[in-house]
Amino acid sequence: MQDLTKYREHHIALKEMIGDLQSLLNPEMLRIPPNAELAHHLLCDLVDLVKEHLLDEDRYLYPSLLVHKNPRVKALAWDFIRTERPLRRNFEKYYKKWLKRCDFPFSERFLHETQEIFKILSERIEREEEVLFPKLMEIGFLQKPGRSRLAL
């Protein structure tokens, strides 16, 4: 049984980063060079955390679910894996287009695409919290934070 803590911590950090960035990502705030630099660094941190979160799921979560005896659990895992692919592609494309060169291109198009990325990410987090995690706790695959592992 895995602990849900790490996944929840990722979600909390991602939500906080998105909130911080949304307050920074407007033309008035971005005209101030330190704000623009901070926004860029936060965006890079956000992309790194998303990559880490997805990698953790790929390494530790989905492999066990894909061999689970319950076919509904396997189907759930495949559904999340399948819907993760567009998220990965979008993030990689976004990173290469807007963040790789470190030139702070805070154009109107950049701000629009950033909001789209935030929406995709927020929807994924919400879906994991409302669909995936409860199902995994129901079948005993994940434990709530703070529970003893001695019961295994």
C-alpha atoms as a PDB file:
ATOM      1  CA  MET A   1       0.000   0.000   0.000  1.00  0.00           C
ATOM      2  CA  GLN A   2       1.304   3.415  -0.940  1.00  0.00           C
ATOM      3  CA  ASP A   3       0.858   6.622   1.013  1.00  0.00           C
ATOM      4  CA  LEU A   4      -1.201   9.362  -0.587  1.00  0.00           C
ATOM      5  CA  THR A   5       0.887  12.096   1.069  1.00  0.00           C
ATOM      6  CA  LYS A   6       3.378  12.691  -1.746  1.00  0.00           C
ATOM      7  CA  TYR A   7       0.682  12.984  -4.402  1.00  0.00           C
ATOM      8  CA  ARG A   8      -1.358  15.365  -2.247  1.00  0.00           C
ATOM      9  CA  GLU A   9       1.756  17.456  -1.496  1.00  0.00           C
ATOM     10  CA  HIS A  10       2.390  17.765  -5.226  1.00  0.00           C
ATOM     11  CA  HIS A  11      -1.193  18.881  -5.767  1.00  0.00           C
ATOM     12  CA  ILE A  12      -1.008  21.466  -3.001  1.00  0.00           C
ATOM     13  CA  ALA A  13       2.275  22.860  -4.334  1.00  0.00           C
ATOM     14  CA  LEU A  14       0.955  22.959  -7.901  1.00  0.00           C
ATOM     15  CA  LYS A  15      -2.223  24.757  -6.855  1.00  0.00           C
ATOM     16  CA  GLU A  16      -0.202  27.295  -4.857  1.00  0.00           C
ATOM     17  CA  MET A  17       2.155  27.912  -7.771  1.00  0.00           C
ATOM     18  CA  ILE A  18      -0.751  28.405 -10.153  1.00  0.00           C
ATOM     19  CA  GLY A  19      -2.380  30.847  -7.731  1.00  0.00           C
ATOM     20  CA  ASP A  20       0.854  32.799  -7.279  1.00  0.00           C
ATOM     21  CA  LEU A  21       1.433  32.899 -11.007  1.00  0.00           C
ATOM     22  CA  GLN A  22      -2.078  34.028 -11.810  1.00  0.00           C
ATOM     23  CA  SER A  23      -1.563  37.081  -9.606  1.00  0.00           C
ATOM     24  CA  LEU A  24       1.748  37.835 -11.336  1.00  0.00           C
ATOM     25  CA  LEU A  25       0.750  37.152 -14.913  1.00  0.00           C
ATOM     26  CA  ASN A  26      -0.847  40.380 -15.951  1.00  0.00           C
ATOM     27  CA  PRO A  27       0.688  43.154 -18.052  1.00  0.00           C
ATOM     28  CA  GLU A  28       1.005  45.638 -15.173  1.00  0.00           C
ATOM     29  CA  MET A  29       2.873  43.246 -12.904  1.00  0.00           C
ATOM     30  CA  LEU A  30       5.069  41.926 -15.697  1.00  0.00           C
ATOM     31  CA  ARG A  31       6.328  45.388 -16.647  1.00  0.00           C
ATOM     32  CA  ILE A  32       8.364  45.293 -13.436  1.00  0.00           C
ATOM     33  CA  PRO A  33      11.535  43.310 -14.284  1.00  0.00           C
ATOM     34  CA  PRO A  34      11.848  41.481 -10.928  1.00  0.00           C
ATOM     35  CA  ASN A  35       8.210  40.344 -11.235  1.00  0.00           C
ATOM     36  CA  ALA A  36       8.847  39.107 -14.769  1.00  0.00           C
ATOM     37  CA  GLU A  37      11.899  37.196 -13.625  1.00  0.00           C
ATOM     38  CA  LEU A  38      10.026  35.721 -10.650  1.00  0.00           C
ATOM     39  CA  ALA A  39       7.130  34.684 -12.902  1.00  0.00           C
ATOM     40  CA  HIS A  40       9.540  32.984 -15.269  1.00  0.00           C
ATOM     41  CA  HIS A  41      11.242  31.082 -12.458  1.00  0.00           C
ATOM     42  CA  LEU A  42       7.899  30.045 -10.958  1.00  0.00           C
ATOM     43  CA  LEU A  43       6.753  28.803 -14.353  1.00  0.00           C
ATOM     44  CA  CYS A  44       9.920  26.744 -14.722  1.00  0.00           C
ATOM     45  CA  ASP A  45       9.403  25.351 -11.200  1.00  0.00           C
ATOM     46  CA  LEU A  46       5.802  24.524 -12.079  1.00  0.00           C
ATOM     47  CA  VAL A  47       6.854  22.631 -15.195  1.00  0.00           C
ATOM     48  CA  ASP A  48       9.510  20.745 -13.209  1.00  0.00           C
ATOM     49  CA  LEU A  49       7.012  19.777 -10.503  1.00  0.00           C
ATOM     50  CA  VAL A  50       4.469  18.612 -13.072  1.00  0.00           C
ATOM     51  CA  LYS A  51       7.146  16.467 -14.715  1.00  0.00           C
ATOM     52  CA  GLU A  52       8.163  15.048 -11.322  1.00  0.00           C
ATOM     53  CA  HIS A  53       4.557  14.303 -10.413  1.00  0.00           C
ATOM     54  CA  LEU A  54       3.885  12.526 -13.691  1.00  0.00           C
ATOM     55  CA  LEU A  55       7.134  10.589 -13.426  1.00  0.00           C
ATOM     56  CA  ASP A  56       6.268   9.474  -9.874  1.00  0.00           C
ATOM     57  CA  GLU A  57       2.909   8.252 -11.090  1.00  0.00           C
ATOM     58  CA  ASP A  58       4.549   6.408 -13.981  1.00  0.00           C
ATOM     59  CA  ARG A  59       7.128   4.758 -11.725  1.00  0.00           C
ATOM     60  CA  TYR A  60       5.189   3.990  -8.577  1.00  0.00           C
ATOM     61  CA  LEU A  61       1.477   4.236  -9.182  1.00  0.00           C
ATOM     62  CA  TYR A  62       0.453   2.978 -12.611  1.00  0.00           C
ATOM     63  CA  PRO A  63       2.635  -0.149 -12.886  1.00  0.00           C
ATOM     64  CA  SER A  64       1.001  -1.636  -9.793  1.00  0.00           C
ATOM     65  CA  LEU A  65      -2.459  -0.671 -10.976  1.00  0.00           C
ATOM     66  CA  LEU A  66      -1.928  -2.218 -14.388  1.00  0.00           C
ATOM     67  CA  VAL A  67      -1.324  -5.641 -12.827  1.00  0.00           C
ATOM     68  CA  HIS A  68      -4.125  -5.333 -10.278  1.00  0.00           C
ATOM     69  CA  LYS A  69      -6.548  -8.263 -10.181  1.00  0.00           C
ATOM     70  CA  ASN A  70      -9.590  -5.985 -10.481  1.00  0.00           C
ATOM     71  CA  PRO A  71     -10.222  -5.158 -14.166  1.00  0.00           C
ATOM     72  CA  ARG A  72     -11.915  -1.887 -13.207  1.00  0.00           C
ATOM     73  CA  VAL A  73      -8.716  -0.756 -11.494  1.00  0.00           C
ATOM     74  CA  LYS A  74      -6.709  -1.641 -14.604  1.00  0.00           C
ATOM     75  CA  ALA A  75      -9.187   0.263 -16.770  1.00  0.00           C
ATOM     76  CA  LEU A  76      -8.958   3.276 -14.476  1.00  0.00           C
ATOM     77  CA  ALA A  77      -5.166   3.209 -14.700  1.00  0.00           C
ATOM     78  CA  TRP A  78      -5.253   2.997 -18.497  1.00  0.00           C
ATOM     79  CA  ASP A  79      -7.722   5.886 -18.618  1.00  0.00           C
ATOM     80  CA  PHE A  80      -5.445   8.111 -16.542  1.00  0.00           C
ATOM     81  CA  ILE A  81      -2.382   7.075 -18.529  1.00  0.00           C
ATOM     82  CA  ARG A  82      -4.170   7.793 -21.802  1.00  0.00           C
ATOM     83  CA  THR A  83      -5.390  11.208 -20.656  1.00  0.00           C
ATOM     84  CA  GLU A  84      -1.939  12.036 -19.285  1.00  0.00           C
ATOM     85  CA  ARG A  85      -0.324  11.943 -22.728  1.00  0.00           C
ATOM     86  CA  PRO A  86      -1.893  15.202 -23.988  1.00  0.00           C
ATOM     87  CA  LEU A  87      -0.893  16.898 -20.739  1.00  0.00           C
ATOM     88  CA  ARG A  88       2.708  15.824 -21.230  1.00  0.00           C
ATOM     89  CA  ARG A  89       2.731  16.933 -24.865  1.00  0.00           C
ATOM     90  CA  ASN A  90       1.182  20.292 -24.028  1.00  0.00           C
ATOM     91  CA  PHE A  91       3.653  20.929 -21.228  1.00  0.00           C
ATOM     92  CA  GLU A  92       6.658  19.971 -23.335  1.00  0.00           C
ATOM     93  CA  LYS A  93       5.479  22.118 -26.241  1.00  0.00           C
ATOM     94  CA  TYR A  94       4.762  25.030 -23.892  1.00  0.00           C
ATOM     95  CA  TYR A  95       8.157  24.729 -22.217  1.00  0.00           C
ATOM     96  CA  LYS A  96      10.074  24.625 -25.499  1.00  0.00           C
ATOM     97  CA  LYS A  97       8.107  27.500 -26.962  1.00  0.00           C
ATOM     98  CA  TRP A  98       8.036  29.888 -24.024  1.00  0.00           C
ATOM     99  CA  LEU A  99      10.486  28.997 -21.267  1.00  0.00           C
ATOM    100  CA  LYS A 100      13.539  27.276 -22.692  1.00  0.00           C
ATOM    101  CA  ARG A 101      15.370  30.419 -23.821  1.00  0.00           C
ATOM    102  CA  CYS A 102      14.840  32.386 -20.578  1.00  0.00           C
ATOM    103  CA  ASP A 103      13.947  35.566 -22.449  1.00  0.00           C
ATOM    104  CA  PHE A 104      10.709  36.330 -20.553  1.00  0.00           C
ATOM    105  CA  PRO A 105       8.409  36.636 -23.588  1.00  0.00           C
ATOM    106  CA  PHE A 106       5.314  37.858 -21.748  1.00  0.00           C
ATOM    107  CA  SER A 107       3.211  38.588 -24.807  1.00  0.00           C
ATOM    108  CA  GLU A 108      -0.548  38.418 -24.979  1.00  0.00           C
ATOM    109  CA  ARG A 109      -0.252  35.031 -26.732  1.00  0.00           C
ATOM    110  CA  PHE A 110       2.059  33.743 -23.988  1.00  0.00           C
ATOM    111  CA  LEU A 111      -0.377  34.815 -21.280  1.00  0.00           C
ATOM    112  CA  HIS A 112      -3.256  33.130 -23.106  1.00  0.00           C
ATOM    113  CA  GLU A 113      -1.341  29.858 -23.577  1.00  0.00           C
ATOM    114  CA  THR A 114      -0.230  29.954 -19.950  1.00  0.00           C
ATOM    115  CA  GLN A 115      -3.834  30.237 -18.799  1.00  0.00           C
ATOM    116  CA  GLU A 116      -4.692  27.263 -21.029  1.00  0.00           C
ATOM    117  CA  ILE A 117      -1.901  25.245 -19.380  1.00  0.00           C
ATOM    118  CA  PHE A 118      -3.179  26.233 -15.935  1.00  0.00           C
ATOM    119  CA  LYS A 119      -6.676  25.097 -16.906  1.00  0.00           C
ATOM    120  CA  ILE A 120      -5.473  21.726 -18.222  1.00  0.00           C
ATOM    121  CA  LEU A 121      -3.354  21.166 -15.133  1.00  0.00           C
ATOM    122  CA  SER A 122      -6.096  22.221 -12.714  1.00  0.00           C
ATOM    123  CA  GLU A 123      -8.565  19.887 -14.411  1.00  0.00           C
ATOM    124  CA  ARG A 124      -6.095  17.006 -14.139  1.00  0.00           C
ATOM    125  CA  ILE A 125      -5.461  17.678 -10.445  1.00  0.00           C
ATOM    126  CA  GLU A 126      -9.182  17.863  -9.776  1.00  0.00           C
ATOM    127  CA  ARG A 127      -9.796  14.609 -11.648  1.00  0.00           C
ATOM    128  CA  GLU A 128      -7.045  12.819  -9.715  1.00  0.00           C
ATOM    129  CA  GLU A 129      -8.446  14.084  -6.420  1.00  0.00           C
ATOM    130  CA  GLU A 130     -12.085  13.351  -7.220  1.00  0.00           C
ATOM    131  CA  VAL A 131     -11.796  10.111  -9.217  1.00  0.00           C
ATOM    132  CA  LEU A 132      -8.421   8.407  -8.935  1.00  0.00           C
ATOM    133  CA  PHE A 133      -7.440   8.895  -5.298  1.00  0.00           C
ATOM    134  CA  PRO A 134     -10.831   7.946  -3.797  1.00  0.00           C
ATOM    135  CA  LYS A 135     -10.932   4.783  -5.920  1.00  0.00           C
ATOM    136  CA  LEU A 136      -7.396   3.849  -4.885  1.00  0.00           C
ATOM    137  CA  MET A 137      -8.246   4.364  -1.227  1.00  0.00           C
ATOM    138  CA  GLU A 138     -11.438   2.342  -1.667  1.00  0.00           C
ATOM    139  CA  ILE A 139      -9.534  -0.671  -2.989  1.00  0.00           C
ATOM    140  CA  GLY A 140      -6.829  -0.253  -0.350  1.00  0.00           C
ATOM    141  CA  PHE A 141      -4.083   0.644  -2.808  1.00  0.00           C
ATOM    142  CA  LEU A 142      -3.390   4.060  -1.277  1.00  0.00           C
ATOM    143  CA  GLN A 143      -3.650   4.931   2.358  1.00  0.00           C
ATOM    144  CA  LYS A 144      -4.674   8.263   3.753  1.00  0.00           C
ATOM    145  CA  PRO A 145      -1.808  10.375   5.065  1.00  0.00           C
ATOM    146  CA  GLY A 146      -0.811   9.595   8.613  1.00  0.00           C
ATOM    147  CA  ARG A 147      -2.057   6.008   8.775  1.00  0.00           C
ATOM    148  CA  SER A 148       0.315   3.411  10.071  1.00  0.00           C
ATOM    149  CA  ARG A 149       1.863   1.057   7.590  1.00  0.00           C
ATOM    150  CA  LEU A 150       2.073  -1.629  10.274  1.00  0.00           C
ATOM    151  CA  ALA A 151      -1.387  -2.820   9.309  1.00  0.00           C
ATOM    152  CA  LEU A 152      -0.058  -4.157   6.016  1.00  0.00           C
END
